[in-house]
Amino acid sequence: MSIGPDPQIGTSSIRNEAFNTTYTRGQILIDAMKDLTVKTVLDIGAYTGETAEWFCRLFPKATIWSVEPVPESFVKLKSRGNPRVKPFHFAATNFEGTCTIFLNAAAHTNGLFPINSASRDSIDISTRREERLLNGLTLPENQDQVEVPARTLDSFVVENGLSQIDFLKIDVQGAETVVLQGSHDVLRNTRAILIEVSLYDYYTQQNSIGDVEEFLRPSGFELWSITDQSNNPMNGRT
């Protein structure tokens, strides 16, 4: 039996084609901000600063407050020397003190939670696990760790006199709700948010969009757009 092409039911595909010719990711963010002049951007999970530089181009009047916990990445972030980017070295969490960051071979996946060695969504982990089993190695691979300062965004904005956040970006590898738990006051004074939600089981903790909305909706936020999707070619999962 042969299966023909998917039927086009309704008009969503037509609207999506029109959307793709009109919008870039940046244009979505600009339209979401409406006519607001963006002056203060809080960049949580700044990595080595690529996104901060993009925000500088996207919002030409903004100061970017960039937070990065991993020491090596923070050094690279700071070395960019952009006068509009203010780098800070700590992990945004739901408490004050210190915390452990787990370090991975792919540095952009470093985070508060260790890799899930039993992951079924990660192509890389699944492949490595099969290779280890074939070689009689059943123990999970060890991860390097580093201790870093930890603090809430609520305390951070008070310390730095940030009474209004025009735009908040959170990209923290599965720790989205941990950051939001320490950001109650920040959310009440933030106009728009861009947040990455990790649905894959790559880490020992993952969140759903519903988990994130439990924090955002009481502060008056609603979903505007899903700007990017990462679709798994191994199992079809988003």
C-alpha atoms as a PDB file:
ATOM      1  CA  MET A   1       0.000   0.000   0.000  1.00  0.00           C
ATOM      2  CA  SER A   2       1.328   3.425  -0.883  1.00  0.00           C
ATOM      3  CA  ILE A   3       0.625   6.537   1.143  1.00  0.00           C
ATOM      4  CA  GLY A   4       0.142   9.748  -0.762  1.00  0.00           C
ATOM      5  CA  PRO A   5       1.084  13.270   0.284  1.00  0.00           C
ATOM      6  CA  ASP A   6      -0.476  14.740   3.386  1.00  0.00           C
ATOM      7  CA  PRO A   7      -3.794  16.405   2.620  1.00  0.00           C
ATOM      8  CA  GLN A   8      -3.910  20.152   3.244  1.00  0.00           C
ATOM      9  CA  ILE A   9      -6.850  20.508   5.572  1.00  0.00           C
ATOM     10  CA  GLY A  10      -7.908  24.043   6.366  1.00  0.00           C
ATOM     11  CA  THR A  11      -5.810  27.135   5.694  1.00  0.00           C
ATOM     12  CA  SER A  12      -3.082  26.887   8.340  1.00  0.00           C
ATOM     13  CA  SER A  13      -0.424  25.841   5.820  1.00  0.00           C
ATOM     14  CA  ILE A  14      -1.213  28.850   3.632  1.00  0.00           C
ATOM     15  CA  ARG A  15      -1.024  31.215   6.599  1.00  0.00           C
ATOM     16  CA  ASN A  16       2.268  29.650   7.722  1.00  0.00           C
ATOM     17  CA  GLU A  17       3.792  30.137   4.280  1.00  0.00           C
ATOM     18  CA  ALA A  18       2.807  33.809   4.412  1.00  0.00           C
ATOM     19  CA  PHE A  19       4.238  34.052   7.932  1.00  0.00           C
ATOM     20  CA  ASN A  20       7.593  32.603   6.843  1.00  0.00           C
ATOM     21  CA  THR A  21       7.950  35.188   4.086  1.00  0.00           C
ATOM     22  CA  THR A  22       7.141  38.062   6.461  1.00  0.00           C
ATOM     23  CA  TYR A  23       8.761  37.275   9.781  1.00  0.00           C
ATOM     24  CA  THR A  24      12.215  36.583  11.090  1.00  0.00           C
ATOM     25  CA  ARG A  25      12.746  35.669  14.723  1.00  0.00           C
ATOM     26  CA  GLY A  26      13.842  39.223  15.422  1.00  0.00           C
ATOM     27  CA  GLN A  27      10.784  40.722  13.750  1.00  0.00           C
ATOM     28  CA  ILE A  28       8.541  38.565  15.932  1.00  0.00           C
ATOM     29  CA  LEU A  29      10.213  40.016  19.037  1.00  0.00           C
ATOM     30  CA  ILE A  30       9.992  43.586  17.740  1.00  0.00           C
ATOM     31  CA  ASP A  31       6.283  43.193  16.945  1.00  0.00           C
ATOM     32  CA  ALA A  32       5.643  41.561  20.320  1.00  0.00           C
ATOM     33  CA  MET A  33       7.127  44.664  21.973  1.00  0.00           C
ATOM     34  CA  LYS A  34       4.771  46.852  19.893  1.00  0.00           C
ATOM     35  CA  ASP A  35       5.922  50.485  19.994  1.00  0.00           C
ATOM     36  CA  LEU A  36       7.878  50.218  23.226  1.00  0.00           C
ATOM     37  CA  THR A  37      11.412  51.575  23.187  1.00  0.00           C
ATOM     38  CA  VAL A  38      13.453  48.797  24.778  1.00  0.00           C
ATOM     39  CA  LYS A  39      15.980  50.196  27.245  1.00  0.00           C
ATOM     40  CA  THR A  40      16.613  47.304  29.657  1.00  0.00           C
ATOM     41  CA  VAL A  41      17.177  43.689  28.605  1.00  0.00           C
ATOM     42  CA  LEU A  42      17.856  40.953  31.153  1.00  0.00           C
ATOM     43  CA  ASP A  43      19.766  38.128  29.436  1.00  0.00           C
ATOM     44  CA  ILE A  44      19.759  34.989  31.607  1.00  0.00           C
ATOM     45  CA  GLY A  45      21.974  32.180  30.322  1.00  0.00           C
ATOM     46  CA  ALA A  46      24.147  34.470  28.226  1.00  0.00           C
ATOM     47  CA  TYR A  47      26.738  31.802  27.301  1.00  0.00           C
ATOM     48  CA  THR A  48      29.574  33.616  25.451  1.00  0.00           C
ATOM     49  CA  GLY A  49      27.563  36.659  24.393  1.00  0.00           C
ATOM     50  CA  GLU A  50      26.284  35.951  20.893  1.00  0.00           C
ATOM     51  CA  THR A  51      22.674  36.604  21.864  1.00  0.00           C
ATOM     52  CA  ALA A  52      23.615  39.750  23.783  1.00  0.00           C
ATOM     53  CA  GLU A  53      25.231  41.136  20.627  1.00  0.00           C
ATOM     54  CA  TRP A  54      22.063  40.275  18.691  1.00  0.00           C
ATOM     55  CA  PHE A  55      19.953  42.107  21.265  1.00  0.00           C
ATOM     56  CA  CYS A  56      22.208  45.144  20.840  1.00  0.00           C
ATOM     57  CA  ARG A  57      21.435  45.186  17.123  1.00  0.00           C
ATOM     58  CA  LEU A  58      17.751  44.430  17.629  1.00  0.00           C
ATOM     59  CA  PHE A  59      17.210  47.029  20.368  1.00  0.00           C
ATOM     60  CA  PRO A  60      19.640  49.883  19.599  1.00  0.00           C
ATOM     61  CA  LYS A  61      18.795  51.892  22.742  1.00  0.00           C
ATOM     62  CA  ALA A  62      19.004  49.004  25.187  1.00  0.00           C
ATOM     63  CA  THR A  63      21.496  48.060  27.873  1.00  0.00           C
ATOM     64  CA  ILE A  64      21.916  44.286  28.094  1.00  0.00           C
ATOM     65  CA  TRP A  65      22.384  42.820  31.584  1.00  0.00           C
ATOM     66  CA  SER A  66      23.910  39.414  30.822  1.00  0.00           C
ATOM     67  CA  VAL A  67      24.117  36.636  33.414  1.00  0.00           C
ATOM     68  CA  GLU A  68      26.300  33.557  32.826  1.00  0.00           C
ATOM     69  CA  PRO A  69      27.279  30.985  35.501  1.00  0.00           C
ATOM     70  CA  VAL A  70      29.963  28.902  33.728  1.00  0.00           C
ATOM     71  CA  PRO A  71      33.390  30.475  34.406  1.00  0.00           C
ATOM     72  CA  GLU A  72      34.902  29.747  30.985  1.00  0.00           C
ATOM     73  CA  SER A  73      31.863  31.065  29.130  1.00  0.00           C
ATOM     74  CA  PHE A  74      31.718  34.127  31.377  1.00  0.00           C
ATOM     75  CA  VAL A  75      35.344  35.009  30.564  1.00  0.00           C
ATOM     76  CA  LYS A  76      34.482  34.955  26.838  1.00  0.00           C
ATOM     77  CA  LEU A  77      31.320  36.977  27.438  1.00  0.00           C
ATOM     78  CA  LYS A  78      33.235  39.619  29.370  1.00  0.00           C
ATOM     79  CA  SER A  79      36.109  39.725  26.861  1.00  0.00           C
ATOM     80  CA  ARG A  80      33.797  41.007  24.128  1.00  0.00           C
ATOM     81  CA  GLY A  81      34.031  44.393  25.785  1.00  0.00           C
ATOM     82  CA  ASN A  82      30.754  45.732  24.422  1.00  0.00           C
ATOM     83  CA  PRO A  83      29.968  48.852  26.490  1.00  0.00           C
ATOM     84  CA  ARG A  84      26.226  48.173  26.200  1.00  0.00           C
ATOM     85  CA  VAL A  85      26.563  44.655  27.677  1.00  0.00           C
ATOM     86  CA  LYS A  86      26.993  44.346  31.438  1.00  0.00           C
ATOM     87  CA  PRO A  87      28.285  40.813  32.302  1.00  0.00           C
ATOM     88  CA  PHE A  88      27.571  39.127  35.646  1.00  0.00           C
ATOM     89  CA  HIS A  89      28.886  35.791  36.892  1.00  0.00           C
ATOM     90  CA  PHE A  90      26.285  33.775  38.808  1.00  0.00           C
ATOM     91  CA  ALA A  91      23.558  31.193  38.315  1.00  0.00           C
ATOM     92  CA  ALA A  92      20.008  32.512  38.463  1.00  0.00           C
ATOM     93  CA  THR A  93      18.187  30.176  40.876  1.00  0.00           C
ATOM     94  CA  ASN A  94      15.493  30.187  43.565  1.00  0.00           C
ATOM     95  CA  PHE A  95      17.936  30.722  46.464  1.00  0.00           C
ATOM     96  CA  GLU A  96      21.020  32.690  47.514  1.00  0.00           C
ATOM     97  CA  GLY A  97      24.380  31.005  48.006  1.00  0.00           C
ATOM     98  CA  THR A  98      26.295  28.623  45.754  1.00  0.00           C
ATOM     99  CA  CYS A  99      25.236  25.823  43.433  1.00  0.00           C
ATOM    100  CA  THR A 100      26.694  23.131  41.169  1.00  0.00           C
ATOM    101  CA  ILE A 101      26.880  23.567  37.407  1.00  0.00           C
ATOM    102  CA  PHE A 102      27.322  20.386  35.362  1.00  0.00           C
ATOM    103  CA  LEU A 103      29.763  20.724  32.471  1.00  0.00           C
ATOM    104  CA  ASN A 104      29.338  18.873  29.184  1.00  0.00           C
ATOM    105  CA  ALA A 105      31.432  18.273  26.068  1.00  0.00           C
ATOM    106  CA  ALA A 106      28.970  20.520  24.207  1.00  0.00           C
ATOM    107  CA  ALA A 107      29.530  23.663  26.267  1.00  0.00           C
ATOM    108  CA  HIS A 108      26.229  25.284  25.316  1.00  0.00           C
ATOM    109  CA  THR A 109      24.419  22.453  27.169  1.00  0.00           C
ATOM    110  CA  ASN A 110      26.074  23.144  30.554  1.00  0.00           C
ATOM    111  CA  GLY A 111      23.498  23.643  33.280  1.00  0.00           C
ATOM    112  CA  LEU A 112      22.054  23.138  36.728  1.00  0.00           C
ATOM    113  CA  PHE A 113      20.994  19.559  36.035  1.00  0.00           C
ATOM    114  CA  PRO A 114      23.111  16.560  35.019  1.00  0.00           C
ATOM    115  CA  ILE A 115      22.629  14.806  31.721  1.00  0.00           C
ATOM    116  CA  ASN A 116      20.088  11.984  31.769  1.00  0.00           C
ATOM    117  CA  SER A 117      22.131   8.923  30.840  1.00  0.00           C
ATOM    118  CA  ALA A 118      18.864   7.048  30.154  1.00  0.00           C
ATOM    119  CA  SER A 119      17.664   9.656  27.641  1.00  0.00           C
ATOM    120  CA  ARG A 120      15.592   8.326  24.746  1.00  0.00           C
ATOM    121  CA  ASP A 121      15.255  11.692  23.026  1.00  0.00           C
ATOM    122  CA  SER A 122      18.948  12.547  22.661  1.00  0.00           C
ATOM    123  CA  ILE A 123      20.483  11.028  19.547  1.00  0.00           C
ATOM    124  CA  ASP A 124      23.980  11.554  20.929  1.00  0.00           C
ATOM    125  CA  ILE A 125      23.279   9.996  24.335  1.00  0.00           C
ATOM    126  CA  SER A 126      21.385   7.055  22.811  1.00  0.00           C
ATOM    127  CA  THR A 127      24.281   6.356  20.449  1.00  0.00           C
ATOM    128  CA  ARG A 128      26.898   6.578  23.213  1.00  0.00           C
ATOM    129  CA  ARG A 129      24.827   4.363  25.490  1.00  0.00           C
ATOM    130  CA  GLU A 130      24.574   1.666  22.816  1.00  0.00           C
ATOM    131  CA  GLU A 131      28.324   1.864  22.216  1.00  0.00           C
ATOM    132  CA  ARG A 132      29.051   1.516  25.940  1.00  0.00           C
ATOM    133  CA  LEU A 133      26.721  -1.468  26.259  1.00  0.00           C
ATOM    134  CA  LEU A 134      28.399  -3.147  23.303  1.00  0.00           C
ATOM    135  CA  ASN A 135      31.736  -2.706  25.074  1.00  0.00           C
ATOM    136  CA  GLY A 136      30.416  -4.023  28.379  1.00  0.00           C
ATOM    137  CA  LEU A 137      30.354  -0.610  30.047  1.00  0.00           C
ATOM    138  CA  THR A 138      27.080  -0.078  31.856  1.00  0.00           C
ATOM    139  CA  LEU A 139      27.938   2.773  34.209  1.00  0.00           C
ATOM    140  CA  PRO A 140      26.949   6.291  33.121  1.00  0.00           C
ATOM    141  CA  GLU A 141      29.661   8.643  32.002  1.00  0.00           C
ATOM    142  CA  ASN A 142      30.891  11.079  34.641  1.00  0.00           C
ATOM    143  CA  GLN A 143      30.328  14.800  34.248  1.00  0.00           C
ATOM    144  CA  ASP A 144      32.676  17.530  35.377  1.00  0.00           C
ATOM    145  CA  GLN A 145      31.220  19.974  37.880  1.00  0.00           C
ATOM    146  CA  VAL A 146      31.949  23.468  39.091  1.00  0.00           C
ATOM    147  CA  GLU A 147      30.623  25.443  42.064  1.00  0.00           C
ATOM    148  CA  VAL A 148      29.411  28.956  41.254  1.00  0.00           C
ATOM    149  CA  PRO A 149      27.563  31.785  43.010  1.00  0.00           C
ATOM    150  CA  ALA A 150      23.779  31.425  43.018  1.00  0.00           C
ATOM    151  CA  ARG A 151      21.160  34.089  43.520  1.00  0.00           C
ATOM    152  CA  THR A 152      17.602  35.052  42.669  1.00  0.00           C
ATOM    153  CA  LEU A 153      16.762  37.558  39.971  1.00  0.00           C
ATOM    154  CA  ASP A 154      14.594  39.365  42.519  1.00  0.00           C
ATOM    155  CA  SER A 155      17.649  40.183  44.648  1.00  0.00           C
ATOM    156  CA  PHE A 156      19.768  40.972  41.592  1.00  0.00           C
ATOM    157  CA  VAL A 157      17.431  43.627  40.179  1.00  0.00           C
ATOM    158  CA  VAL A 158      17.041  45.288  43.592  1.00  0.00           C
ATOM    159  CA  GLU A 159      20.809  45.443  44.050  1.00  0.00           C
ATOM    160  CA  ASN A 160      21.248  47.016  40.599  1.00  0.00           C
ATOM    161  CA  GLY A 161      18.275  49.388  40.742  1.00  0.00           C
ATOM    162  CA  LEU A 162      16.403  47.778  37.852  1.00  0.00           C
ATOM    163  CA  SER A 163      12.827  48.778  38.558  1.00  0.00           C
ATOM    164  CA  GLN A 164      11.600  47.989  35.031  1.00  0.00           C
ATOM    165  CA  ILE A 165      12.656  45.135  32.706  1.00  0.00           C
ATOM    166  CA  ASP A 166      11.528  45.748  29.150  1.00  0.00           C
ATOM    167  CA  PHE A 167      12.649  42.380  27.855  1.00  0.00           C
ATOM    168  CA  LEU A 168      13.649  39.200  29.722  1.00  0.00           C
ATOM    169  CA  LYS A 169      15.335  36.263  28.000  1.00  0.00           C
ATOM    170  CA  ILE A 170      15.777  32.929  29.802  1.00  0.00           C
ATOM    171  CA  ASP A 171      17.816  30.094  28.252  1.00  0.00           C
ATOM    172  CA  VAL A 172      18.917  27.829  31.095  1.00  0.00           C
ATOM    173  CA  GLN A 173      18.856  24.220  29.874  1.00  0.00           C
ATOM    174  CA  GLY A 174      15.921  22.750  31.766  1.00  0.00           C
ATOM    175  CA  ALA A 175      16.093  25.043  34.801  1.00  0.00           C
ATOM    176  CA  GLU A 176      13.389  27.445  33.597  1.00  0.00           C
ATOM    177  CA  THR A 177      11.076  26.984  36.573  1.00  0.00           C
ATOM    178  CA  VAL A 178      13.991  27.252  39.021  1.00  0.00           C
ATOM    179  CA  VAL A 179      14.773  30.709  37.633  1.00  0.00           C
ATOM    180  CA  LEU A 180      11.106  31.734  37.660  1.00  0.00           C
ATOM    181  CA  GLN A 181      10.722  30.638  41.291  1.00  0.00           C
ATOM    182  CA  GLY A 182      13.242  33.338  42.217  1.00  0.00           C
ATOM    183  CA  SER A 183      11.698  35.994  39.973  1.00  0.00           C
ATOM    184  CA  HIS A 184       8.253  36.831  41.410  1.00  0.00           C
ATOM    185  CA  ASP A 185       8.948  40.556  41.707  1.00  0.00           C
ATOM    186  CA  VAL A 186      10.832  40.632  38.411  1.00  0.00           C
ATOM    187  CA  LEU A 187       7.851  39.176  36.534  1.00  0.00           C
ATOM    188  CA  ARG A 188       5.554  41.872  37.893  1.00  0.00           C
ATOM    189  CA  ASN A 189       7.881  44.497  36.398  1.00  0.00           C
ATOM    190  CA  THR A 190       8.695  42.840  33.062  1.00  0.00           C
ATOM    191  CA  ARG A 191       6.990  43.691  29.775  1.00  0.00           C
ATOM    192  CA  ALA A 192       7.937  40.729  27.553  1.00  0.00           C
ATOM    193  CA  ILE A 193       9.745  37.406  27.900  1.00  0.00           C
ATOM    194  CA  LEU A 194      11.579  35.075  25.522  1.00  0.00           C
ATOM    195  CA  ILE A 195      12.082  31.682  27.165  1.00  0.00           C
ATOM    196  CA  GLU A 196      13.471  28.388  25.928  1.00  0.00           C
ATOM    197  CA  VAL A 197      11.520  25.395  27.236  1.00  0.00           C
ATOM    198  CA  SER A 198      13.358  22.058  27.112  1.00  0.00           C
ATOM    199  CA  LEU A 199      10.838  19.304  26.378  1.00  0.00           C
ATOM    200  CA  TYR A 200      13.438  16.624  25.621  1.00  0.00           C
ATOM    201  CA  ASP A 201      14.596  14.232  28.342  1.00  0.00           C
ATOM    202  CA  TYR A 202      18.218  15.315  27.794  1.00  0.00           C
ATOM    203  CA  TYR A 203      18.549  16.408  31.438  1.00  0.00           C
ATOM    204  CA  THR A 204      17.385  14.743  34.636  1.00  0.00           C
ATOM    205  CA  GLN A 205      14.758  17.483  34.825  1.00  0.00           C
ATOM    206  CA  GLN A 206      12.639  18.935  32.040  1.00  0.00           C
ATOM    207  CA  ASN A 207       9.639  21.240  31.963  1.00  0.00           C
ATOM    208  CA  SER A 208       6.469  21.544  29.960  1.00  0.00           C
ATOM    209  CA  ILE A 209       5.027  24.755  28.569  1.00  0.00           C
ATOM    210  CA  GLY A 210       2.311  24.344  31.208  1.00  0.00           C
ATOM    211  CA  ASP A 211       4.931  24.312  33.982  1.00  0.00           C
ATOM    212  CA  VAL A 212       6.275  27.629  32.746  1.00  0.00           C
ATOM    213  CA  GLU A 213       2.835  29.173  32.263  1.00  0.00           C
ATOM    214  CA  GLU A 214       1.968  28.434  35.900  1.00  0.00           C
ATOM    215  CA  PHE A 215       4.486  31.159  36.778  1.00  0.00           C
ATOM    216  CA  LEU A 216       3.821  33.533  33.889  1.00  0.00           C
ATOM    217  CA  ARG A 217       0.025  33.680  33.683  1.00  0.00           C
ATOM    218  CA  PRO A 218      -0.536  35.024  37.228  1.00  0.00           C
ATOM    219  CA  SER A 219       1.748  37.930  36.254  1.00  0.00           C
ATOM    220  CA  GLY A 220      -0.395  38.706  33.196  1.00  0.00           C
ATOM    221  CA  PHE A 221       1.652  37.038  30.449  1.00  0.00           C
ATOM    222  CA  GLU A 222       0.174  35.074  27.573  1.00  0.00           C
ATOM    223  CA  LEU A 223       1.788  33.107  24.755  1.00  0.00           C
ATOM    224  CA  TRP A 224       2.537  35.350  21.774  1.00  0.00           C
ATOM    225  CA  SER A 225       4.511  33.049  19.464  1.00  0.00           C
ATOM    226  CA  ILE A 226       6.672  29.936  19.300  1.00  0.00           C
ATOM    227  CA  THR A 227       9.641  31.368  17.439  1.00  0.00           C
ATOM    228  CA  ASP A 228      11.633  28.168  16.904  1.00  0.00           C
ATOM    229  CA  GLN A 229      11.121  24.440  17.198  1.00  0.00           C
ATOM    230  CA  SER A 230      13.717  21.723  17.541  1.00  0.00           C
ATOM    231  CA  ASN A 231      12.219  18.585  16.008  1.00  0.00           C
ATOM    232  CA  ASN A 232      13.922  15.261  16.675  1.00  0.00           C
ATOM    233  CA  PRO A 233      14.751  13.349  13.453  1.00  0.00           C
ATOM    234  CA  MET A 234      15.160  10.160  15.494  1.00  0.00           C
ATOM    235  CA  ASN A 235      11.665   9.889  16.984  1.00  0.00           C
ATOM    236  CA  GLY A 236       9.648  12.828  15.647  1.00  0.00           C
ATOM    237  CA  ARG A 237       9.354  14.540  19.019  1.00  0.00           C
ATOM    238  CA  THR A 238       9.384  18.328  19.458  1.00  0.00           C
END
